[in-house]
Amino acid sequence: MSFFVYLLISLNKKKKISYVGYTKDLKERLKLHNTSKGAKFTKGKKWIMIYNKRYKTKSIAMKEEYKLKKNYKKRKVIKDNYLKLNEKTS
């Protein structure tokens, strides 16, 4: 079974808020976040998934999730790259 670490951003405000998590099912997890049934932090916002990475075990995914949550520079790089690509295609 595979587990994923993912990064979401909210497009509701001028400041792009991000959220990092892990899951077995990316589609279902995003659906839960967007219907305010996911994490408390994500309630009431519209989220899009801009990054995900697959891991073999839950333990490894949880460790990598923790690292990404604490690494604000890497999160900013991922967000900025996504936003730049999105501007070019708009």
PDB file of N, CA and C in Angstrom:
ATOM      1  N   MET A   1       0.845  -1.185   0.000  1.00  0.00           N
ATOM      2  CA  MET A   1       0.000   0.000   0.000  1.00  0.00           C
ATOM      3  C   MET A   1       0.889   1.246   0.000  1.00  0.00           C
ATOM      4  N   SER A   2       0.475   2.249  -0.742  1.00  0.00           N
ATOM      5  CA  SER A   2       1.222   3.503  -0.837  1.00  0.00           C
ATOM      6  C   SER A   2       0.579   4.586   0.018  1.00  0.00           C
ATOM      7  N   PHE A   3       1.410   5.487   0.464  1.00  0.00           N
ATOM      8  CA  PHE A   3       0.966   6.668   1.195  1.00  0.00           C
ATOM      9  C   PHE A   3       1.561   7.882   0.507  1.00  0.00           C
ATOM     10  N   PHE A   4       0.873   9.007   0.621  1.00  0.00           N
ATOM     11  CA  PHE A   4       1.281  10.229  -0.055  1.00  0.00           C
ATOM     12  C   PHE A   4       1.430  11.376   0.936  1.00  0.00           C
ATOM     13  N   VAL A   5       2.407  12.221   0.658  1.00  0.00           N
ATOM     14  CA  VAL A   5       2.526  13.512   1.334  1.00  0.00           C
ATOM     15  C   VAL A   5       2.080  14.532   0.299  1.00  0.00           C
ATOM     16  N   TYR A   6       1.266  15.501   0.731  1.00  0.00           N
ATOM     17  CA  TYR A   6       0.725  16.465  -0.227  1.00  0.00           C
ATOM     18  C   TYR A   6       0.783  17.880   0.332  1.00  0.00           C
ATOM     19  N   LEU A   7       0.729  18.832  -0.587  1.00  0.00           N
ATOM     20  CA  LEU A   7       0.708  20.248  -0.235  1.00  0.00           C
ATOM     21  C   LEU A   7      -0.484  20.876  -0.931  1.00  0.00           C
ATOM     22  N   LEU A   8      -1.315  21.552  -0.145  1.00  0.00           N
ATOM     23  CA  LEU A   8      -2.486  22.257  -0.656  1.00  0.00           C
ATOM     24  C   LEU A   8      -2.257  23.753  -0.521  1.00  0.00           C
ATOM     25  N   ILE A   9      -2.876  24.530  -1.421  1.00  0.00           N
ATOM     26  CA  ILE A   9      -2.930  25.976  -1.213  1.00  0.00           C
ATOM     27  C   ILE A   9      -4.377  26.421  -1.366  1.00  0.00           C
ATOM     28  N   SER A  10      -4.688  27.459  -0.627  1.00  0.00           N
ATOM     29  CA  SER A  10      -6.014  28.053  -0.695  1.00  0.00           C
ATOM     30  C   SER A  10      -5.934  29.290  -1.568  1.00  0.00           C
ATOM     31  N   LEU A  11      -6.859  29.398  -2.491  1.00  0.00           N
ATOM     32  CA  LEU A  11      -6.860  30.537  -3.404  1.00  0.00           C
ATOM     33  C   LEU A  11      -7.886  31.587  -3.006  1.00  0.00           C
ATOM     34  N   ASN A  12      -8.448  31.499  -1.801  1.00  0.00           N
ATOM     35  CA  ASN A  12      -9.499  32.416  -1.375  1.00  0.00           C
ATOM     36  C   ASN A  12      -9.007  33.814  -1.042  1.00  0.00           C
ATOM     37  N   LYS A  13      -7.773  33.945  -0.638  1.00  0.00           N
ATOM     38  CA  LYS A  13      -7.267  35.243  -0.176  1.00  0.00           C
ATOM     39  C   LYS A  13      -6.078  35.675  -1.019  1.00  0.00           C
ATOM     40  N   LYS A  14      -5.691  36.924  -0.833  1.00  0.00           N
ATOM     41  CA  LYS A  14      -4.503  37.428  -1.522  1.00  0.00           C
ATOM     42  C   LYS A  14      -3.272  36.648  -1.093  1.00  0.00           C
ATOM     43  N   LYS A  15      -3.163  36.364   0.207  1.00  0.00           N
ATOM     44  CA  LYS A  15      -2.060  35.571   0.713  1.00  0.00           C
ATOM     45  C   LYS A  15      -2.396  34.095   0.517  1.00  0.00           C
ATOM     46  N   LYS A  16      -1.532  33.386  -0.167  1.00  0.00           N
ATOM     47  CA  LYS A  16      -1.769  31.977  -0.462  1.00  0.00           C
ATOM     48  C   LYS A  16      -1.369  31.119   0.744  1.00  0.00           C
ATOM     49  N   ILE A  17      -2.362  30.623   1.469  1.00  0.00           N
ATOM     50  CA  ILE A  17      -2.144  29.797   2.644  1.00  0.00           C
ATOM     51  C   ILE A  17      -1.888  28.373   2.190  1.00  0.00           C
ATOM     52  N   SER A  18      -0.935  27.692   2.838  1.00  0.00           N
ATOM     53  CA  SER A  18      -0.655  26.308   2.463  1.00  0.00           C
ATOM     54  C   SER A  18      -0.927  25.364   3.632  1.00  0.00           C
ATOM     55  N   TYR A  19      -1.129  24.095   3.272  1.00  0.00           N
ATOM     56  CA  TYR A  19      -1.379  23.043   4.250  1.00  0.00           C
ATOM     57  C   TYR A  19      -0.677  21.778   3.767  1.00  0.00           C
ATOM     58  N   VAL A  20      -0.011  21.086   4.679  1.00  0.00           N
ATOM     59  CA  VAL A  20       0.689  19.844   4.358  1.00  0.00           C
ATOM     60  C   VAL A  20       0.038  18.705   5.127  1.00  0.00           C
ATOM     61  N   GLY A  21      -0.127  17.559   4.473  1.00  0.00           N
ATOM     62  CA  GLY A  21      -0.688  16.395   5.133  1.00  0.00           C
ATOM     63  C   GLY A  21      -0.224  15.111   4.473  1.00  0.00           C
ATOM     64  N   TYR A  22      -0.709  13.978   4.999  1.00  0.00           N
ATOM     65  CA  TYR A  22      -0.427  12.690   4.365  1.00  0.00           C
ATOM     66  C   TYR A  22      -1.720  11.891   4.311  1.00  0.00           C
ATOM     67  N   THR A  23      -1.791  10.950   3.369  1.00  0.00           N
ATOM     68  CA  THR A  23      -3.000  10.169   3.171  1.00  0.00           C
ATOM     69  C   THR A  23      -2.715   8.923   2.343  1.00  0.00           C
ATOM     70  N   LYS A  24      -3.683   8.017   2.318  1.00  0.00           N
ATOM     71  CA  LYS A  24      -3.643   6.865   1.420  1.00  0.00           C
ATOM     72  C   LYS A  24      -4.352   7.188   0.109  1.00  0.00           C
ATOM     73  N   ASP A  25      -5.334   8.092   0.150  1.00  0.00           N
ATOM     74  CA  ASP A  25      -6.193   8.378  -1.002  1.00  0.00           C
ATOM     75  C   ASP A  25      -6.247   9.887  -1.243  1.00  0.00           C
ATOM     76  N   LEU A  26      -5.514  10.349  -2.238  1.00  0.00           N
ATOM     77  CA  LEU A  26      -5.407  11.790  -2.505  1.00  0.00           C
ATOM     78  C   LEU A  26      -6.739  12.425  -2.884  1.00  0.00           C
ATOM     79  N   LYS A  27      -7.488  11.785  -3.775  1.00  0.00           N
ATOM     80  CA  LYS A  27      -8.764  12.361  -4.224  1.00  0.00           C
ATOM     81  C   LYS A  27      -9.749  12.501  -3.068  1.00  0.00           C
ATOM     82  N   GLU A  28      -9.860  11.457  -2.277  1.00  0.00           N
ATOM     83  CA  GLU A  28     -10.803  11.481  -1.150  1.00  0.00           C
ATOM     84  C   GLU A  28     -10.383  12.518  -0.111  1.00  0.00           C
ATOM     85  N   ARG A  29      -9.088  12.616   0.146  1.00  0.00           N
ATOM     86  CA  ARG A  29      -8.600  13.567   1.146  1.00  0.00           C
ATOM     87  C   ARG A  29      -8.858  15.010   0.713  1.00  0.00           C
ATOM     88  N   LEU A  30      -8.611  15.316  -0.558  1.00  0.00           N
ATOM     89  CA  LEU A  30      -8.878  16.666  -1.061  1.00  0.00           C
ATOM     90  C   LEU A  30     -10.372  16.975  -0.972  1.00  0.00           C
ATOM     91  N   LYS A  31     -11.192  15.994  -1.304  1.00  0.00           N
ATOM     92  CA  LYS A  31     -12.650  16.166  -1.200  1.00  0.00           C
ATOM     93  C   LYS A  31     -13.048  16.490   0.241  1.00  0.00           C
ATOM     94  N   LEU A  32     -12.463  15.798   1.214  1.00  0.00           N
ATOM     95  CA  LEU A  32     -12.765  16.057   2.620  1.00  0.00           C
ATOM     96  C   LEU A  32     -12.353  17.473   3.025  1.00  0.00           C
ATOM     97  N   HIS A  33     -11.179  17.894   2.592  1.00  0.00           N
ATOM     98  CA  HIS A  33     -10.722  19.258   2.912  1.00  0.00           C
ATOM     99  C   HIS A  33     -11.677  20.297   2.324  1.00  0.00           C
ATOM    100  N   ASN A  34     -12.127  20.087   1.099  1.00  0.00           N
ATOM    101  CA  ASN A  34     -12.977  21.072   0.430  1.00  0.00           C
ATOM    102  C   ASN A  34     -14.427  21.050   0.900  1.00  0.00           C
ATOM    103  N   THR A  35     -14.819  20.019   1.639  1.00  0.00           N
ATOM    104  CA  THR A  35     -16.171  19.968   2.195  1.00  0.00           C
ATOM    105  C   THR A  35     -16.149  20.219   3.700  1.00  0.00           C
ATOM    106  N   SER A  36     -15.057  20.795   4.193  1.00  0.00           N
ATOM    107  CA  SER A  36     -14.881  21.145   5.612  1.00  0.00           C
ATOM    108  C   SER A  36     -14.961  19.938   6.541  1.00  0.00           C
ATOM    109  N   LYS A  37     -14.602  18.759   6.032  1.00  0.00           N
ATOM    110  CA  LYS A  37     -14.576  17.561   6.860  1.00  0.00           C
ATOM    111  C   LYS A  37     -13.161  17.033   7.044  1.00  0.00           C
ATOM    112  N   GLY A  38     -12.182  17.802   6.596  1.00  0.00           N
ATOM    113  CA  GLY A  38     -10.785  17.419   6.749  1.00  0.00           C
ATOM    114  C   GLY A  38     -10.250  17.992   8.044  1.00  0.00           C
ATOM    115  N   ALA A  39      -9.028  18.447   8.012  1.00  0.00           N
ATOM    116  CA  ALA A  39      -8.396  19.029   9.189  1.00  0.00           C
ATOM    117  C   ALA A  39      -9.088  20.339   9.583  1.00  0.00           C
ATOM    118  N   LYS A  40      -9.070  20.632  10.860  1.00  0.00           N
ATOM    119  CA  LYS A  40      -9.715  21.841  11.384  1.00  0.00           C
ATOM    120  C   LYS A  40      -9.188  23.104  10.692  1.00  0.00           C
ATOM    121  N   PHE A  41      -7.898  23.152  10.444  1.00  0.00           N
ATOM    122  CA  PHE A  41      -7.254  24.309   9.819  1.00  0.00           C
ATOM    123  C   PHE A  41      -7.819  24.592   8.430  1.00  0.00           C
ATOM    124  N   THR A  42      -8.264  23.560   7.727  1.00  0.00           N
ATOM    125  CA  THR A  42      -8.673  23.722   6.329  1.00  0.00           C
ATOM    126  C   THR A  42     -10.152  24.050   6.143  1.00  0.00           C
ATOM    127  N   LYS A  43     -10.907  24.084   7.210  1.00  0.00           N
ATOM    128  CA  LYS A  43     -12.350  24.309   7.098  1.00  0.00           C
ATOM    129  C   LYS A  43     -12.677  25.690   6.542  1.00  0.00           C
ATOM    130  N   GLY A  44     -13.677  25.715   5.660  1.00  0.00           N
ATOM    131  CA  GLY A  44     -14.181  26.975   5.131  1.00  0.00           C
ATOM    132  C   GLY A  44     -13.373  27.588   4.010  1.00  0.00           C
ATOM    133  N   LYS A  45     -12.404  26.849   3.477  1.00  0.00           N
ATOM    134  CA  LYS A  45     -11.574  27.369   2.393  1.00  0.00           C
ATOM    135  C   LYS A  45     -11.638  26.410   1.209  1.00  0.00           C
ATOM    136  N   LYS A  46     -11.383  26.928   0.019  1.00  0.00           N
ATOM    137  CA  LYS A  46     -11.297  26.115  -1.191  1.00  0.00           C
ATOM    138  C   LYS A  46      -9.829  25.791  -1.416  1.00  0.00           C
ATOM    139  N   TRP A  47      -9.496  24.509  -1.521  1.00  0.00           N
ATOM    140  CA  TRP A  47      -8.115  24.060  -1.633  1.00  0.00           C
ATOM    141  C   TRP A  47      -7.847  23.404  -2.981  1.00  0.00           C
ATOM    142  N   ILE A  48      -6.611  23.586  -3.455  1.00  0.00           N
ATOM    143  CA  ILE A  48      -6.158  22.826  -4.612  1.00  0.00           C
ATOM    144  C   ILE A  48      -4.840  22.149  -4.245  1.00  0.00           C
ATOM    145  N   MET A  49      -4.639  20.960  -4.772  1.00  0.00           N
ATOM    146  CA  MET A  49      -3.412  20.208  -4.493  1.00  0.00           C
ATOM    147  C   MET A  49      -2.373  20.588  -5.535  1.00  0.00           C
ATOM    148  N   ILE A  50      -1.231  21.061  -5.058  1.00  0.00           N
ATOM    149  CA  ILE A  50      -0.195  21.493  -5.988  1.00  0.00           C
ATOM    150  C   ILE A  50       1.041  20.600  -5.949  1.00  0.00           C
ATOM    151  N   TYR A  51       1.092  19.675  -4.998  1.00  0.00           N
ATOM    152  CA  TYR A  51       2.267  18.806  -4.859  1.00  0.00           C
ATOM    153  C   TYR A  51       1.844  17.528  -4.153  1.00  0.00           C
ATOM    154  N   ASN A  52       2.363  16.405  -4.612  1.00  0.00           N
ATOM    155  CA  ASN A  52       2.236  15.157  -3.859  1.00  0.00           C
ATOM    156  C   ASN A  52       3.381  14.239  -4.214  1.00  0.00           C
ATOM    157  N   LYS A  53       3.738  13.407  -3.258  1.00  0.00           N
ATOM    158  CA  LYS A  53       4.824  12.450  -3.452  1.00  0.00           C
ATOM    159  C   LYS A  53       4.441  11.145  -2.769  1.00  0.00           C
ATOM    160  N   ARG A  54       4.708  10.027  -3.457  1.00  0.00           N
ATOM    161  CA  ARG A  54       4.334   8.695  -2.972  1.00  0.00           C
ATOM    162  C   ARG A  54       5.456   8.089  -2.127  1.00  0.00           C
ATOM    163  N   TYR A  55       5.065   7.389  -1.058  1.00  0.00           N
ATOM    164  CA  TYR A  55       5.992   6.663  -0.200  1.00  0.00           C
ATOM    165  C   TYR A  55       5.477   5.251   0.028  1.00  0.00           C
ATOM    166  N   LYS A  56       6.395   4.326   0.294  1.00  0.00           N
ATOM    167  CA  LYS A  56       6.029   2.920   0.441  1.00  0.00           C
ATOM    168  C   LYS A  56       5.304   2.610   1.739  1.00  0.00           C
ATOM    169  N   THR A  57       5.647   3.320   2.812  1.00  0.00           N
ATOM    170  CA  THR A  57       5.044   3.008   4.109  1.00  0.00           C
ATOM    171  C   THR A  57       4.470   4.257   4.769  1.00  0.00           C
ATOM    172  N   LYS A  58       3.544   4.037   5.678  1.00  0.00           N
ATOM    173  CA  LYS A  58       2.940   5.128   6.433  1.00  0.00           C
ATOM    174  C   LYS A  58       3.997   5.836   7.284  1.00  0.00           C
ATOM    175  N   SER A  59       4.879   5.053   7.876  1.00  0.00           N
ATOM    176  CA  SER A  59       5.920   5.614   8.734  1.00  0.00           C
ATOM    177  C   SER A  59       6.815   6.595   7.973  1.00  0.00           C
ATOM    178  N   ILE A  60       7.246   6.207   6.796  1.00  0.00           N
ATOM    179  CA  ILE A  60       8.095   7.087   5.987  1.00  0.00           C
ATOM    180  C   ILE A  60       7.313   8.328   5.576  1.00  0.00           C
ATOM    181  N   ALA A  61       6.070   8.147   5.170  1.00  0.00           N
ATOM    182  CA  ALA A  61       5.241   9.293   4.757  1.00  0.00           C
ATOM    183  C   ALA A  61       5.058  10.272   5.908  1.00  0.00           C
ATOM    184  N   MET A  62       4.826   9.771   7.107  1.00  0.00           N
ATOM    185  CA  MET A  62       4.640  10.651   8.265  1.00  0.00           C
ATOM    186  C   MET A  62       5.914  11.436   8.571  1.00  0.00           C
ATOM    187  N   LYS A  63       7.060  10.787   8.445  1.00  0.00           N
ATOM    188  CA  LYS A  63       8.336  11.476   8.681  1.00  0.00           C
ATOM    189  C   LYS A  63       8.559  12.571   7.643  1.00  0.00           C
ATOM    190  N   GLU A  64       8.261  12.254   6.381  1.00  0.00           N
ATOM    191  CA  GLU A  64       8.438  13.235   5.308  1.00  0.00           C
ATOM    192  C   GLU A  64       7.426  14.377   5.414  1.00  0.00           C
ATOM    193  N   GLU A  65       6.218  14.064   5.855  1.00  0.00           N
ATOM    194  CA  GLU A  65       5.209  15.104   6.085  1.00  0.00           C
ATOM    195  C   GLU A  65       5.715  16.088   7.137  1.00  0.00           C
ATOM    196  N   TYR A  66       6.249  15.574   8.217  1.00  0.00           N
ATOM    197  CA  TYR A  66       6.770  16.418   9.293  1.00  0.00           C
ATOM    198  C   TYR A  66       7.883  17.325   8.761  1.00  0.00           C
ATOM    199  N   LYS A  67       8.790  16.758   7.962  1.00  0.00           N
ATOM    200  CA  LYS A  67       9.890  17.549   7.408  1.00  0.00           C
ATOM    201  C   LYS A  67       9.367  18.683   6.527  1.00  0.00           C
ATOM    202  N   LEU A  68       8.388  18.365   5.661  1.00  0.00           N
ATOM    203  CA  LEU A  68       7.846  19.389   4.764  1.00  0.00           C
ATOM    204  C   LEU A  68       7.071  20.446   5.543  1.00  0.00           C
ATOM    205  N   LYS A  69       6.357  20.035   6.587  1.00  0.00           N
ATOM    206  CA  LYS A  69       5.620  21.008   7.402  1.00  0.00           C
ATOM    207  C   LYS A  69       6.559  22.031   8.028  1.00  0.00           C
ATOM    208  N   LYS A  70       7.730  21.599   8.425  1.00  0.00           N
ATOM    209  CA  LYS A  70       8.689  22.488   9.090  1.00  0.00           C
ATOM    210  C   LYS A  70       9.590  23.253   8.124  1.00  0.00           C
ATOM    211  N   ASN A  71       9.656  22.804   6.881  1.00  0.00           N
ATOM    212  CA  ASN A  71      10.552  23.425   5.903  1.00  0.00           C
ATOM    213  C   ASN A  71       9.791  24.490   5.095  1.00  0.00           C
ATOM    214  N   TYR A  72       9.678  25.667   5.671  1.00  0.00           N
ATOM    215  CA  TYR A  72       8.905  26.741   5.040  1.00  0.00           C
ATOM    216  C   TYR A  72       9.529  27.214   3.736  1.00  0.00           C
ATOM    217  N   LYS A  73      10.847  27.132   3.619  1.00  0.00           N
ATOM    218  CA  LYS A  73      11.509  27.550   2.376  1.00  0.00           C
ATOM    219  C   LYS A  73      11.107  26.630   1.219  1.00  0.00           C
ATOM    220  N   LYS A  74      11.107  25.318   1.466  1.00  0.00           N
ATOM    221  CA  LYS A  74      10.723  24.377   0.413  1.00  0.00           C
ATOM    222  C   LYS A  74       9.255  24.555   0.034  1.00  0.00           C
ATOM    223  N   ARG A  75       8.397  24.771   1.039  1.00  0.00           N
ATOM    224  CA  ARG A  75       6.978  25.012   0.762  1.00  0.00           C
ATOM    225  C   ARG A  75       6.797  26.254  -0.102  1.00  0.00           C
ATOM    226  N   LYS A  76       7.551  27.304   0.190  1.00  0.00           N
ATOM    227  CA  LYS A  76       7.463  28.542  -0.580  1.00  0.00           C
ATOM    228  C   LYS A  76       7.920  28.320  -2.019  1.00  0.00           C
ATOM    229  N   VAL A  77       8.983  27.556  -2.199  1.00  0.00           N
ATOM    230  CA  VAL A  77       9.473  27.262  -3.548  1.00  0.00           C
ATOM    231  C   VAL A  77       8.406  26.504  -4.343  1.00  0.00           C
ATOM    232  N   ILE A  78       7.788  25.506  -3.737  1.00  0.00           N
ATOM    233  CA  ILE A  78       6.730  24.736  -4.406  1.00  0.00           C
ATOM    234  C   ILE A  78       5.566  25.653  -4.771  1.00  0.00           C
ATOM    235  N   LYS A  79       5.130  26.494  -3.813  1.00  0.00           N
ATOM    236  CA  LYS A  79       4.017  27.419  -4.080  1.00  0.00           C
ATOM    237  C   LYS A  79       4.367  28.397  -5.190  1.00  0.00           C
ATOM    238  N   ASP A  80       5.546  29.005  -5.107  1.00  0.00           N
ATOM    239  CA  ASP A  80       5.957  29.996  -6.109  1.00  0.00           C
ATOM    240  C   ASP A  80       6.053  29.372  -7.500  1.00  0.00           C
ATOM    241  N   ASN A  81       6.617  28.158  -7.594  1.00  0.00           N
ATOM    242  CA  ASN A  81       6.716  27.482  -8.891  1.00  0.00           C
ATOM    243  C   ASN A  81       5.331  27.210  -9.467  1.00  0.00           C
ATOM    244  N   TYR A  82       4.414  26.758  -8.635  1.00  0.00           N
ATOM    245  CA  TYR A  82       3.051  26.492  -9.090  1.00  0.00           C
ATOM    246  C   TYR A  82       2.385  27.780  -9.578  1.00  0.00           C
ATOM    247  N   LEU A  83       2.518  28.843  -8.799  1.00  0.00           N
ATOM    248  CA  LEU A  83       1.870  30.107  -9.156  1.00  0.00           C
ATOM    249  C   LEU A  83       2.457  30.692 -10.436  1.00  0.00           C
ATOM    250  N   LYS A  84       3.768  30.556 -10.635  1.00  0.00           N
ATOM    251  CA  LYS A  84       4.394  31.041 -11.864  1.00  0.00           C
ATOM    252  C   LYS A  84       3.880  30.268 -13.074  1.00  0.00           C
ATOM    253  N   LEU A  85       3.811  28.943 -12.942  1.00  0.00           N
ATOM    254  CA  LEU A  85       3.301  28.116 -14.043  1.00  0.00           C
ATOM    255  C   LEU A  85       1.841  28.442 -14.327  1.00  0.00           C
ATOM    256  N   ASN A  86       1.070  28.671 -13.276  1.00  0.00           N
ATOM    257  CA  ASN A  86      -0.347  28.967 -13.423  1.00  0.00           C
ATOM    258  C   ASN A  86      -0.564  30.322 -14.105  1.00  0.00           C
ATOM    259  N   GLU A  87       0.285  31.300 -13.817  1.00  0.00           N
ATOM    260  CA  GLU A  87       0.191  32.610 -14.463  1.00  0.00           C
ATOM    261  C   GLU A  87       0.449  32.497 -15.958  1.00  0.00           C
ATOM    262  N   LYS A  88       1.419  31.670 -16.341  1.00  0.00           N
ATOM    263  CA  LYS A  88       1.784  31.522 -17.758  1.00  0.00           C
ATOM    264  C   LYS A  88       0.659  30.876 -18.560  1.00  0.00           C
ATOM    265  N   THR A  89      -0.079  29.971 -17.944  1.00  0.00           N
ATOM    266  CA  THR A  89      -1.141  29.251 -18.656  1.00  0.00           C
ATOM    267  C   THR A  89      -2.454  30.002 -18.634  1.00  0.00           C
ATOM    268  N   SER A  90      -2.550  31.045 -17.824  1.00  0.00           N
ATOM    269  CA  SER A  90      -3.811  31.811 -17.736  1.00  0.00           C
ATOM    270  C   SER A  90      -3.935  32.818 -18.846  1.00  0.00           C
TER     271      SER A  90
END
